[in-house]
Amino acid sequence: MLGRLIASGFDPVARHLQHPPPLASTKTMQAVFDQGACDPCPTTFNMAGYVLEQATVQPGKTALCVVGAGGIETWTYGDLAGAVQRMAAALGAAGLVAGDRVLLCLGNTTDFPVLYLAAIAADILPVPVSPALTGPELDTIVRLISPDLIISGAGGQLPPSCHGRHMAVADLHAPPYPDPFTFVMGDPNRPAYVIFTSGTGGQPRAVVHAHRAIWARRMMWQGWYGITPSDRMLHAGAFNWSYTLGTGLMDPWAIGATAYVAGHDIDIHDLGGLMSQHDITLFAAAPGVYRRMLRRALPHFPRLRHGLSAGEKLPAAVRTDWHSATGRPIYEAFGMSECSTFISQPPDRRTTANTIGYPQPGRRVAIVDENGPVSCDIPGQIAVSRNDLGLMLRYLDAPDVTAACFQGEWFCTGDAGAMAPDGAITYLGRVDDMMTAGGYRVSPVEVENAMRGHAEIVDCAAVDGVTGDGTTLITLFYIADHDIAPETMAAYAALTLARYKQPRVFKRIDALPRGANNKIQRRVLRDGAARHI
């Protein structure tokens, strides 16, 4: 696909290496950012084909390096495209057809991105899940999506209720498929993949994204990354995390850069040495990774230009300490499962410490209240245009929930903010009660429902609290006849919740604060959480 575009005179790099123009002035000074739409997505498109186009341009260039304690696993663009095509053919031989749903229960191996792209290449919908999820959590997801096949691999847990709809990823490697697979082309607005996000009602939501979502990520190339084809991007996360998948793999491959991923046997404290040894130029991680790396002396990074942070708010102290230790800045970004990253700090534009950056050129973003866009510097809800190419198609099988997220032309994110006249956005917290822990958004209701199963807990409420060093931890306030040992509570949480959802602090109280409508006043608890961490 890209080869055809280049042949027609389209330059995918040069068009996105320009500095963003200044924000257009507006007489009403409404909190609306709009510099015009991004380049339109091709009318016939396949996300996987687009990501792997470099295989036709430079098949011998290194696309991926997985650095482990025992050495480096290296993939060229040609290797990667070939593996994806063989896996796509294997999925067809397994009886899957376009539109089928495949649950990917895989560990942190290269099987994950290969199988993910292979499914998309064949118009089969991959649904990746975290290997940290417990059996009951996986069962909930299986009931929600009714997968046509569940594929598991080393490090990935099999849902107890798979009922025979299961295949090991190793079995897909076995048969030979000599005929080259042809990517399925079509409308860029058709579904491509499904990812999960926590819902405010305590149930995870399946987010359906279109093939065009990858095209929208081009606005991040200079709006956040500052990436070029010559870069070496290291992401500190696991393959099957959506942050790693997009920022660490798909985007570097789309532009023709080289992606580096740390193997499962690499400790966080070894990342600094890895960055120095392999001449990493861009480093992406969640704030917690930067925080832990700073606990030890860091080596010199001769080629690193800057770091990238997303997943949760970057504490100012971490940003400052990282710059003092390395001489390199960290650029932050704001996004969500439903629209990925659309507000960010661009490397070529200065931002103040209290802002999360600017809407990326090509986006239409506003701060709204119940009447629509507010004025600049007035708090409201961060919203993105329903026409944004990166916005989800819908929540799977939940039309009412999907419709409730829209207000006219705006998709409301549930996060509060204010926009300055120049377009800079200050983040003011969550409109709802969603928690953020370890870079993941977590529903307090989901945590509470799990912990109420403890025989000695009468009632409970979960909130996130921030420690003195900026760490975000989930705190569980509970009602019981007596104090329950934290070790006992933690062990129970581990049985029912993924690690990133588990409370780390437990505090017994006499009663939960409630308002006139009997709803728990989480803000009261959140204020108290900081005093107990």
Protein backbone atom coordinates (compact mmCIF):
# COMPACT_ATOMS: atom_id res chain seq x y z
CA MET A 1 0.00 0.00 0.00
CA LEU A 2 2.69 2.50 1.00
CA GLY A 3 4.71 1.45 -2.01
CA ARG A 4 1.85 2.53 -4.26
CA LEU A 5 1.53 5.83 -2.41
CA ILE A 6 5.25 6.55 -2.72
CA ALA A 7 5.13 5.73 -6.41
CA SER A 8 2.40 8.31 -6.82
CA GLY A 9 4.52 11.02 -5.20
CA PHE A 10 3.17 10.78 -1.64
CA ASP A 11 5.93 11.19 0.97
CA PRO A 12 4.73 9.73 4.31
CA VAL A 13 7.65 11.17 6.27
CA ALA A 14 8.11 14.66 4.85
CA ARG A 15 4.43 15.53 5.24
CA HIS A 16 4.67 14.94 8.98
CA LEU A 17 8.06 16.47 9.77
CA GLN A 18 6.77 20.02 9.53
CA HIS A 19 6.39 22.19 12.61
CA PRO A 20 2.75 22.59 13.67
CA PRO A 21 1.25 25.95 12.73
CA PRO A 22 0.17 28.32 15.48
CA LEU A 23 -3.33 27.89 16.85
CA ALA A 24 -5.83 29.78 14.76
CA SER A 25 -7.29 32.75 16.58
CA THR A 26 -10.97 32.78 17.43
CA LYS A 27 -13.13 35.78 18.17
CA THR A 28 -15.26 33.98 20.73
CA MET A 29 -12.22 32.47 22.46
CA GLN A 30 -14.06 29.20 22.81
CA ALA A 31 -12.05 26.31 24.19
CA VAL A 32 -11.91 24.58 20.80
CA PHE A 33 -8.71 23.48 19.07
CA ASP A 34 -9.03 23.04 15.31
CA GLN A 35 -6.23 23.53 12.77
CA GLY A 36 -7.91 21.50 10.06
CA ALA A 37 -8.26 17.76 9.54
CA CYS A 38 -5.37 15.38 9.04
CA ASP A 39 -4.65 13.73 5.69
CA PRO A 40 -7.54 11.42 4.77
CA CYS A 41 -7.07 7.70 5.15
CA PRO A 42 -6.90 5.81 1.82
CA THR A 43 -10.34 4.60 0.78
CA THR A 44 -9.12 1.00 0.40
CA PHE A 45 -7.10 0.02 3.43
CA ASN A 46 -5.85 -2.71 5.73
CA MET A 47 -4.19 -1.74 8.99
CA ALA A 48 -1.73 -4.64 9.01
CA GLY A 49 -0.79 -4.07 5.38
CA TYR A 50 -0.09 -0.42 6.14
CA VAL A 51 2.05 -1.22 9.19
CA LEU A 52 4.10 -3.75 7.21
CA GLU A 53 4.57 -1.75 3.99
CA GLN A 54 8.25 -1.24 4.85
CA ALA A 55 8.74 -4.90 3.97
CA THR A 56 8.22 -3.95 0.33
CA VAL A 57 10.47 -0.88 0.56
CA GLN A 58 13.37 -2.14 2.71
CA PRO A 59 12.82 -5.81 3.64
CA GLY A 60 16.32 -6.20 5.06
CA LYS A 61 16.09 -3.37 7.58
CA THR A 62 15.81 -4.35 11.25
CA ALA A 63 12.23 -3.90 12.44
CA LEU A 64 12.38 -5.44 15.92
CA CYS A 65 14.99 -6.33 18.52
CA VAL A 66 13.90 -8.22 21.62
CA VAL A 67 16.71 -7.87 24.13
CA GLY A 68 16.87 -10.61 26.74
CA ALA A 69 19.39 -11.77 29.29
CA GLY A 70 20.57 -14.47 26.90
CA GLY A 71 20.92 -12.32 23.80
CA ILE A 72 18.95 -10.47 21.13
CA GLU A 73 16.14 -11.79 18.96
CA THR A 74 16.23 -9.78 15.71
CA TRP A 75 13.51 -9.48 13.09
CA THR A 76 13.83 -7.69 9.75
CA TYR A 77 10.80 -6.12 8.09
CA GLY A 78 10.84 -9.00 5.63
CA ASP A 79 10.93 -11.54 8.48
CA LEU A 80 8.03 -9.82 10.21
CA ALA A 81 5.82 -9.58 7.12
CA GLY A 82 6.52 -13.20 6.21
CA ALA A 83 5.61 -14.43 9.70
CA VAL A 84 2.39 -12.41 9.68
CA GLN A 85 1.37 -13.74 6.28
CA ARG A 86 2.04 -17.35 7.33
CA MET A 87 0.08 -16.87 10.55
CA ALA A 88 -2.83 -15.28 8.66
CA ALA A 89 -2.94 -18.31 6.38
CA ALA A 90 -2.88 -20.58 9.44
CA LEU A 91 -5.87 -18.77 10.93
CA GLY A 92 -7.79 -19.38 7.71
CA ALA A 93 -6.80 -23.05 7.72
CA ALA A 94 -8.14 -23.24 11.29
CA GLY A 95 -11.56 -22.34 9.93
CA LEU A 96 -11.71 -18.65 10.82
CA VAL A 97 -13.30 -16.18 8.41
CA ALA A 98 -13.55 -12.40 8.19
CA GLY A 99 -15.48 -10.94 11.10
CA ASP A 100 -14.72 -13.77 13.54
CA ARG A 101 -13.48 -12.82 17.01
CA VAL A 102 -10.26 -14.32 18.38
CA LEU A 103 -9.30 -13.97 22.04
CA LEU A 104 -5.51 -13.76 22.41
CA CYS A 105 -4.36 -15.13 25.78
CA LEU A 106 -0.64 -14.87 25.14
CA GLY A 107 2.37 -14.04 27.25
CA ASN A 108 5.10 -11.51 26.58
CA THR A 109 6.51 -13.05 23.39
CA THR A 110 6.75 -12.09 19.73
CA ASP A 111 3.86 -14.45 19.02
CA PHE A 112 1.58 -11.69 20.25
CA PRO A 113 2.29 -8.91 17.69
CA VAL A 114 2.60 -11.46 14.86
CA LEU A 115 -0.76 -13.06 15.65
CA TYR A 116 -2.38 -9.68 16.29
CA LEU A 117 -1.34 -8.37 12.86
CA ALA A 118 -2.14 -11.68 11.17
CA ALA A 119 -5.72 -11.55 12.39
CA ILE A 120 -6.13 -7.96 11.21
CA ALA A 121 -4.58 -8.86 7.85
CA ALA A 122 -7.34 -11.44 7.38
CA ASP A 123 -10.13 -9.16 8.68
CA ILE A 124 -10.46 -11.34 11.78
CA LEU A 125 -10.92 -9.31 14.99
CA PRO A 126 -8.15 -9.94 17.55
CA VAL A 127 -9.09 -9.33 21.19
CA PRO A 128 -5.89 -9.20 23.27
CA VAL A 129 -6.11 -9.63 27.04
CA SER A 130 -3.54 -9.25 29.78
CA PRO A 131 -1.93 -12.47 31.06
CA ALA A 132 -2.27 -10.97 34.56
CA LEU A 133 -6.05 -11.47 34.52
CA THR A 134 -7.48 -14.14 36.81
CA GLY A 135 -9.74 -16.98 35.71
CA PRO A 136 -12.96 -15.22 36.79
CA GLU A 137 -11.91 -12.05 34.97
CA LEU A 138 -11.21 -13.99 31.79
CA ASP A 139 -14.57 -15.73 32.08
CA THR A 140 -16.29 -12.34 32.20
CA ILE A 141 -14.53 -11.30 29.00
CA VAL A 142 -15.40 -14.57 27.26
CA ARG A 143 -19.07 -14.03 28.07
CA LEU A 144 -18.91 -10.47 26.74
CA ILE A 145 -17.33 -11.18 23.35
CA SER A 146 -18.31 -14.83 22.63
CA PRO A 147 -15.04 -15.54 20.78
CA ASP A 148 -15.00 -17.91 17.84
CA LEU A 149 -11.59 -19.13 18.99
CA ILE A 150 -9.34 -18.68 22.03
CA ILE A 151 -5.62 -18.87 21.31
CA SER A 152 -3.26 -19.39 24.24
CA GLY A 153 0.49 -19.57 24.57
CA ALA A 154 3.25 -19.78 27.15
CA GLY A 155 2.60 -17.24 29.90
CA GLY A 156 -1.05 -16.77 28.95
CA GLN A 157 -3.82 -18.16 31.15
CA LEU A 158 -6.66 -20.10 29.56
CA PRO A 159 -10.18 -19.03 30.61
CA PRO A 160 -11.89 -21.81 32.62
CA SER A 161 -14.99 -21.52 30.42
CA CYS A 162 -13.32 -21.90 27.01
CA HIS A 163 -15.46 -25.00 26.29
CA GLY A 164 -13.18 -26.42 23.63
CA ARG A 165 -12.98 -23.25 21.51
CA HIS A 166 -9.25 -23.29 22.06
CA MET A 167 -6.03 -23.62 20.12
CA ALA A 168 -2.41 -23.34 21.21
CA VAL A 169 -0.36 -20.79 19.31
CA ALA A 170 2.30 -23.46 18.78
CA ASP A 171 -0.17 -25.41 16.65
CA LEU A 172 -0.46 -22.44 14.27
CA HIS A 173 3.29 -22.55 13.67
CA ALA A 174 3.33 -26.22 12.70
CA PRO A 175 1.77 -26.60 9.21
CA PRO A 176 3.54 -25.16 6.13
CA TYR A 177 1.63 -22.60 4.10
CA PRO A 178 3.53 -22.15 0.83
CA ASP A 179 1.09 -19.80 -0.88
CA PRO A 180 1.60 -16.10 -0.01
CA PHE A 181 -1.28 -14.57 1.89
CA THR A 182 -2.97 -11.50 0.40
CA PHE A 183 -4.02 -8.78 2.83
CA VAL A 184 -7.78 -8.22 2.85
CA MET A 185 -8.43 -4.65 1.66
CA GLY A 186 -11.60 -2.69 2.21
CA ASP A 187 -13.35 0.25 3.85
CA PRO A 188 -11.05 1.84 6.46
CA ASN A 189 -14.10 2.31 8.72
CA ARG A 190 -14.72 -1.42 9.15
CA PRO A 191 -13.76 -3.07 12.49
CA ALA A 192 -10.13 -4.12 12.89
CA TYR A 193 -9.56 -5.05 16.54
CA VAL A 194 -11.10 -4.97 20.01
CA ILE A 195 -9.43 -3.87 23.24
CA PHE A 196 -10.80 -3.78 26.77
CA THR A 197 -11.15 -0.88 29.14
CA SER A 198 -12.71 -0.74 32.60
CA GLY A 199 -16.27 0.59 32.71
CA THR A 200 -17.64 2.92 35.35
CA GLY A 201 -20.29 0.33 36.19
CA GLY A 202 -17.70 -2.21 37.28
CA GLN A 203 -17.80 -4.29 34.10
CA PRO A 204 -15.02 -4.15 31.50
CA ARG A 205 -16.02 -2.61 28.17
CA ALA A 206 -14.99 -3.99 24.80
CA VAL A 207 -13.86 -1.11 22.56
CA VAL A 208 -14.14 -1.73 18.81
CA HIS A 209 -11.63 0.16 16.66
CA ALA A 210 -11.55 0.58 12.90
CA HIS A 211 -8.63 -0.05 10.52
CA ARG A 212 -8.33 3.75 10.18
CA ALA A 213 -7.25 4.05 13.84
CA ILE A 214 -3.63 3.35 12.86
CA TRP A 215 -3.74 6.15 10.27
CA ALA A 216 -4.82 8.61 12.97
CA ARG A 217 -1.71 7.74 14.97
CA ARG A 218 0.38 9.54 12.32
CA MET A 219 -0.59 12.73 14.15
CA MET A 220 1.58 11.51 17.04
CA TRP A 221 4.71 11.25 14.91
CA GLN A 222 5.57 14.90 15.40
CA GLY A 223 2.79 15.87 17.80
CA TRP A 224 4.41 13.72 20.49
CA TYR A 225 7.18 11.35 19.42
CA GLY A 226 9.36 13.46 17.16
CA ILE A 227 10.12 10.16 15.42
CA THR A 228 11.96 9.56 12.12
CA PRO A 229 12.82 6.38 10.17
CA SER A 230 16.34 6.40 11.63
CA ASP A 231 15.16 6.17 15.26
CA ARG A 232 15.55 3.30 17.68
CA MET A 233 12.51 3.25 19.96
CA LEU A 234 12.65 1.26 23.20
CA HIS A 235 9.39 0.57 25.04
CA ALA A 236 9.57 -0.73 28.58
CA GLY A 237 6.19 -2.50 28.54
CA ALA A 238 5.08 -6.00 27.61
CA PHE A 239 4.04 -6.88 24.05
CA ASN A 240 0.39 -7.34 24.94
CA TRP A 241 -0.15 -3.93 26.56
CA SER A 242 -1.93 -1.49 24.23
CA TYR A 243 0.61 1.25 25.08
CA THR A 244 3.48 -0.99 23.95
CA LEU A 245 1.54 -2.24 20.96
CA GLY A 246 0.88 1.23 19.58
CA THR A 247 3.79 3.39 20.72
CA GLY A 248 6.42 0.67 20.91
CA LEU A 249 5.64 -1.37 17.79
CA MET A 250 2.98 -0.23 15.31
CA ASP A 251 4.05 3.41 15.08
CA PRO A 252 7.80 2.78 14.69
CA TRP A 253 7.07 0.14 12.05
CA ALA A 254 4.67 2.40 10.16
CA ILE A 255 7.36 5.05 9.73
CA GLY A 256 10.19 2.56 9.14
CA ALA A 257 12.08 2.90 12.45
CA THR A 258 13.46 0.08 14.61
CA ALA A 259 11.53 -1.07 17.68
CA TYR A 260 13.30 -2.42 20.76
CA VAL A 261 11.47 -4.34 23.50
CA ALA A 262 12.98 -5.64 26.72
CA GLY A 263 12.55 -9.36 27.23
CA HIS A 264 10.63 -10.75 30.19
CA ASP A 265 13.91 -11.56 31.96
CA ILE A 266 15.17 -7.95 31.89
CA ASP A 267 14.82 -6.08 35.18
CA ILE A 268 13.67 -2.46 35.15
CA HIS A 269 16.98 -1.42 36.68
CA ASP A 270 18.79 -2.96 33.68
CA LEU A 271 16.95 -0.76 31.18
CA GLY A 272 19.45 2.08 31.54
CA GLY A 273 22.35 -0.12 30.52
CA LEU A 274 20.32 -1.51 27.63
CA MET A 275 19.54 2.00 26.39
CA SER A 276 23.19 2.98 26.48
CA GLN A 277 24.48 -0.24 24.91
CA HIS A 278 22.05 -0.19 21.98
CA ASP A 279 22.11 3.53 21.19
CA ILE A 280 18.42 4.01 21.92
CA THR A 281 17.18 7.37 20.63
CA LEU A 282 13.60 7.35 22.01
CA PHE A 283 12.40 5.71 25.23
CA ALA A 284 8.75 5.16 26.15
CA ALA A 285 7.45 3.99 29.52
CA ALA A 286 4.80 4.55 32.16
CA PRO A 287 5.69 7.03 34.94
CA GLY A 288 6.32 4.20 37.40
CA VAL A 289 9.15 2.84 35.26
CA TYR A 290 10.95 6.19 35.26
CA ARG A 291 10.46 6.40 39.03
CA ARG A 292 11.98 2.98 39.65
CA MET A 293 14.88 3.56 37.28
CA LEU A 294 15.77 6.72 39.19
CA ARG A 295 16.35 4.72 42.37
CA ARG A 296 19.77 3.77 41.00
CA ALA A 297 22.48 5.70 39.22
CA LEU A 298 21.84 5.88 35.49
CA PRO A 299 24.51 5.51 32.79
CA HIS A 300 25.16 8.04 30.06
CA PHE A 301 22.75 7.84 27.14
CA PRO A 302 24.82 9.04 24.17
CA ARG A 303 22.01 9.07 21.58
CA LEU A 304 18.81 9.39 23.60
CA ARG A 305 16.92 12.55 22.61
CA HIS A 306 14.01 12.30 25.02
CA GLY A 307 11.64 10.05 26.90
CA LEU A 308 7.89 9.57 26.38
CA SER A 309 5.35 9.02 29.13
CA ALA A 310 1.70 7.95 29.07
CA GLY A 311 -0.73 5.73 30.93
CA GLU A 312 -1.18 8.04 33.93
CA LYS A 313 -0.22 11.56 35.01
CA LEU A 314 3.55 12.05 35.16
CA PRO A 315 4.52 13.47 38.58
CA ALA A 316 6.44 16.73 38.30
CA ALA A 317 9.15 15.39 40.64
CA VAL A 318 9.82 12.42 38.33
CA ARG A 319 10.14 14.72 35.33
CA THR A 320 12.55 16.98 37.17
CA ASP A 321 14.65 14.17 38.64
CA TRP A 322 14.93 12.41 35.27
CA HIS A 323 16.13 15.58 33.58
CA SER A 324 18.65 16.19 36.38
CA ALA A 325 19.98 12.63 36.13
CA THR A 326 20.09 12.31 32.33
CA GLY A 327 19.92 15.81 30.86
CA ARG A 328 17.00 14.60 28.74
CA PRO A 329 13.35 15.74 28.89
CA ILE A 330 10.25 13.56 29.17
CA TYR A 331 7.28 14.44 26.97
CA GLU A 332 3.88 13.47 28.31
CA ALA A 333 0.72 12.45 26.47
CA PHE A 334 -2.95 12.05 27.31
CA GLY A 335 -5.27 9.52 25.74
CA MET A 336 -7.63 6.66 26.43
CA SER A 337 -8.57 3.25 25.11
CA GLU A 338 -11.39 4.81 23.10
CA CYS A 339 -9.18 7.30 21.26
CA SER A 340 -5.59 6.48 22.10
CA THR A 341 -3.36 9.56 22.47
CA PHE A 342 -4.63 12.87 21.11
CA ILE A 343 -3.15 15.49 23.48
CA SER A 344 0.61 15.57 23.95
CA GLN A 345 3.72 17.63 24.57
CA PRO A 346 5.50 18.03 21.21
CA PRO A 347 9.32 18.04 21.29
CA ASP A 348 9.48 21.19 19.16
CA ARG A 349 7.08 23.29 21.23
CA ARG A 350 7.63 24.37 24.79
CA THR A 351 4.96 23.49 27.33
CA THR A 352 4.58 24.59 30.93
CA ALA A 353 4.94 22.09 33.76
CA ASN A 354 1.27 22.16 34.73
CA THR A 355 -0.13 21.25 31.29
CA ILE A 356 -0.42 17.88 29.55
CA GLY A 357 0.37 19.53 26.22
CA TYR A 358 -1.55 20.51 23.11
CA PRO A 359 -4.07 18.71 20.94
CA GLN A 360 -2.14 17.22 18.06
CA PRO A 361 -2.43 19.11 14.75
CA GLY A 362 -5.15 17.41 12.75
CA ARG A 363 -7.35 16.85 15.81
CA ARG A 364 -10.46 18.76 16.82
CA VAL A 365 -10.61 18.94 20.63
CA ALA A 366 -12.71 21.01 23.02
CA ILE A 367 -13.48 21.61 26.67
CA VAL A 368 -17.24 21.25 27.12
CA ASP A 369 -20.03 21.43 29.65
CA GLU A 370 -23.67 20.41 29.23
CA ASN A 371 -24.19 23.33 26.81
CA GLY A 372 -21.22 22.64 24.56
CA PRO A 373 -17.75 24.22 24.38
CA VAL A 374 -16.89 26.58 27.23
CA SER A 375 -14.61 29.61 27.05
CA CYS A 376 -10.85 29.37 27.31
CA ASP A 377 -9.48 28.95 30.86
CA ILE A 378 -12.87 27.69 32.10
CA PRO A 379 -12.87 24.14 33.52
CA GLY A 380 -14.97 21.51 31.79
CA GLN A 381 -14.77 18.05 30.31
CA ILE A 382 -12.11 17.15 27.74
CA ALA A 383 -13.83 16.11 24.51
CA VAL A 384 -12.73 15.03 21.03
CA SER A 385 -14.67 15.28 17.78
CA ARG A 386 -16.76 12.27 16.85
CA ASN A 387 -15.13 12.55 13.38
CA ASP A 388 -11.62 11.90 14.72
CA LEU A 389 -10.08 9.06 12.72
CA GLY A 390 -8.69 7.55 15.92
CA LEU A 391 -11.97 7.45 17.80
CA MET A 392 -13.51 4.05 18.43
CA LEU A 393 -16.40 2.77 16.36
CA ARG A 394 -18.40 1.73 19.42
CA TYR A 395 -18.50 -0.32 22.57
CA LEU A 396 -19.19 -3.90 21.51
CA ASP A 397 -22.87 -4.84 21.78
CA ALA A 398 -23.58 -1.77 23.94
CA PRO A 399 -25.33 0.88 21.79
CA ASP A 400 -26.85 2.73 24.75
CA VAL A 401 -23.50 3.01 26.53
CA THR A 402 -21.89 4.21 23.31
CA ALA A 403 -24.56 6.85 22.68
CA ALA A 404 -24.27 8.16 26.25
CA CYS A 405 -20.63 9.15 25.62
CA PHE A 406 -21.57 11.66 22.91
CA GLN A 407 -22.84 15.19 23.25
CA GLY A 408 -23.59 16.49 19.78
CA GLU A 409 -20.37 16.36 17.80
CA TRP A 410 -18.25 15.64 20.89
CA PHE A 411 -17.11 12.40 22.45
CA CYS A 412 -16.80 13.20 26.17
CA THR A 413 -13.81 11.55 27.84
CA GLY A 414 -14.90 11.81 31.47
CA ASP A 415 -11.71 13.75 32.31
CA ALA A 416 -11.72 17.37 33.40
CA GLY A 417 -9.47 20.06 32.01
CA ALA A 418 -9.11 23.67 30.93
CA MET A 419 -7.75 25.05 27.66
CA ALA A 420 -5.57 28.14 27.48
CA PRO A 421 -5.97 30.58 24.56
CA ASP A 422 -2.96 29.01 22.82
CA GLY A 423 -4.52 25.54 23.02
CA ALA A 424 -2.49 24.17 25.95
CA ILE A 425 -4.59 21.92 28.17
CA THR A 426 -4.31 21.60 31.94
CA TYR A 427 -5.52 18.30 33.35
CA LEU A 428 -7.83 18.69 36.35
CA GLY A 429 -8.63 15.10 37.28
CA ARG A 430 -11.44 12.69 36.52
CA VAL A 431 -15.03 13.71 36.14
CA ASP A 432 -16.08 10.23 37.20
CA ASP A 433 -14.48 8.03 39.83
CA MET A 434 -12.20 5.92 37.65
CA MET A 435 -8.87 5.12 39.22
CA THR A 436 -5.45 5.03 37.57
CA ALA A 437 -2.86 2.54 38.80
CA GLY A 438 0.24 1.24 37.05
CA GLY A 439 -0.74 3.02 33.85
CA TYR A 440 -4.15 1.29 33.69
CA ARG A 441 -7.60 2.73 34.26
CA VAL A 442 -9.38 0.68 36.89
CA SER A 443 -13.03 0.78 37.93
CA PRO A 444 -13.50 1.14 41.71
CA VAL A 445 -16.75 -0.80 41.40
CA GLU A 446 -14.90 -3.79 39.95
CA VAL A 447 -12.44 -3.77 42.85
CA GLU A 448 -15.20 -3.34 45.42
CA ASN A 449 -17.31 -6.15 43.98
CA ALA A 450 -14.34 -8.50 44.20
CA MET A 451 -13.32 -7.50 47.73
CA ARG A 452 -16.88 -7.70 49.10
CA GLY A 453 -16.60 -11.45 48.59
CA HIS A 454 -14.29 -11.59 51.63
CA ALA A 455 -16.28 -13.20 54.44
CA GLU A 456 -15.32 -10.58 57.04
CA ILE A 457 -15.92 -7.44 54.95
CA VAL A 458 -19.31 -5.79 55.49
CA ASP A 459 -18.82 -3.04 52.90
CA CYS A 460 -15.94 -1.29 51.16
CA ALA A 461 -14.93 1.45 48.74
CA ALA A 462 -11.82 1.78 46.58
CA VAL A 463 -10.04 4.99 45.58
CA ASP A 464 -6.62 5.83 44.21
CA GLY A 465 -4.23 7.85 46.35
CA VAL A 466 -0.90 9.46 45.61
CA THR A 467 2.10 8.98 47.86
CA GLY A 468 4.64 11.64 48.68
CA ASP A 469 6.88 10.57 45.76
CA GLY A 470 3.99 10.64 43.28
CA THR A 471 3.24 6.91 43.22
CA THR A 472 -0.43 6.07 42.63
CA LEU A 473 -1.78 3.24 44.80
CA ILE A 474 -5.27 1.81 45.18
CA THR A 475 -6.57 2.16 48.73
CA LEU A 476 -9.46 0.06 50.04
CA PHE A 477 -11.55 1.52 52.87
CA TYR A 478 -13.58 -1.26 54.46
CA ILE A 479 -16.10 -1.87 57.19
CA ALA A 480 -15.58 -4.94 59.38
CA ASP A 481 -15.93 -6.03 63.00
CA HIS A 482 -12.18 -5.86 63.49
CA ASP A 483 -8.98 -4.96 61.66
CA ILE A 484 -8.06 -7.55 59.05
CA ALA A 485 -4.36 -8.21 58.53
CA PRO A 486 -3.12 -6.47 55.36
CA GLU A 487 -1.43 -9.70 54.30
CA THR A 488 -4.77 -11.52 54.48
CA MET A 489 -6.50 -8.82 52.44
CA ALA A 490 -3.72 -8.77 49.85
CA ALA A 491 -3.84 -12.55 49.49
CA TYR A 492 -7.59 -12.45 48.91
CA ALA A 493 -7.26 -9.66 46.33
CA ALA A 494 -4.69 -11.75 44.44
CA LEU A 495 -7.24 -14.53 44.02
CA THR A 496 -9.83 -12.36 42.29
CA LEU A 497 -8.08 -9.38 40.72
CA ALA A 498 -5.20 -8.79 38.30
CA ARG A 499 -2.17 -7.39 40.08
CA TYR A 500 -2.61 -3.85 38.74
CA LYS A 501 -6.17 -3.80 40.13
CA GLN A 502 -5.27 -5.04 43.60
CA PRO A 503 -5.45 -2.58 46.54
CA ARG A 504 -2.08 -1.93 48.16
CA VAL A 505 -3.37 -0.06 51.22
CA PHE A 506 -6.21 -1.21 53.52
CA LYS A 507 -7.94 1.01 56.08
CA ARG A 508 -10.84 -0.01 58.31
CA ILE A 509 -13.39 2.74 58.98
CA ASP A 510 -16.67 2.87 60.88
CA ALA A 511 -18.82 4.03 57.94
CA LEU A 512 -18.45 5.01 54.31
CA PRO A 513 -19.18 8.70 53.60
CA ARG A 514 -22.34 8.99 51.51
CA GLY A 515 -24.27 11.90 50.02
CA ALA A 516 -27.98 12.64 50.00
CA ASN A 517 -28.47 10.22 47.09
CA ASN A 518 -26.70 7.48 49.11
CA LYS A 519 -23.79 7.41 46.67
CA ILE A 520 -20.34 6.96 48.14
CA GLN A 521 -18.46 10.26 48.32
CA ARG A 522 -15.24 9.05 46.79
CA ARG A 523 -13.65 12.46 46.80
CA VAL A 524 -13.84 12.47 50.61
CA LEU A 525 -12.17 9.07 50.68
CA ARG A 526 -9.59 10.10 48.10
CA ASP A 527 -8.57 13.05 50.26
CA GLY A 528 -8.22 10.67 53.18
CA ALA A 529 -6.30 8.08 51.18
CA ALA A 530 -3.20 10.24 50.95
CA ARG A 531 -3.02 10.35 54.75
CA HIS A 532 -2.95 6.57 54.97
CA ILE A 533 -0.34 5.77 52.31
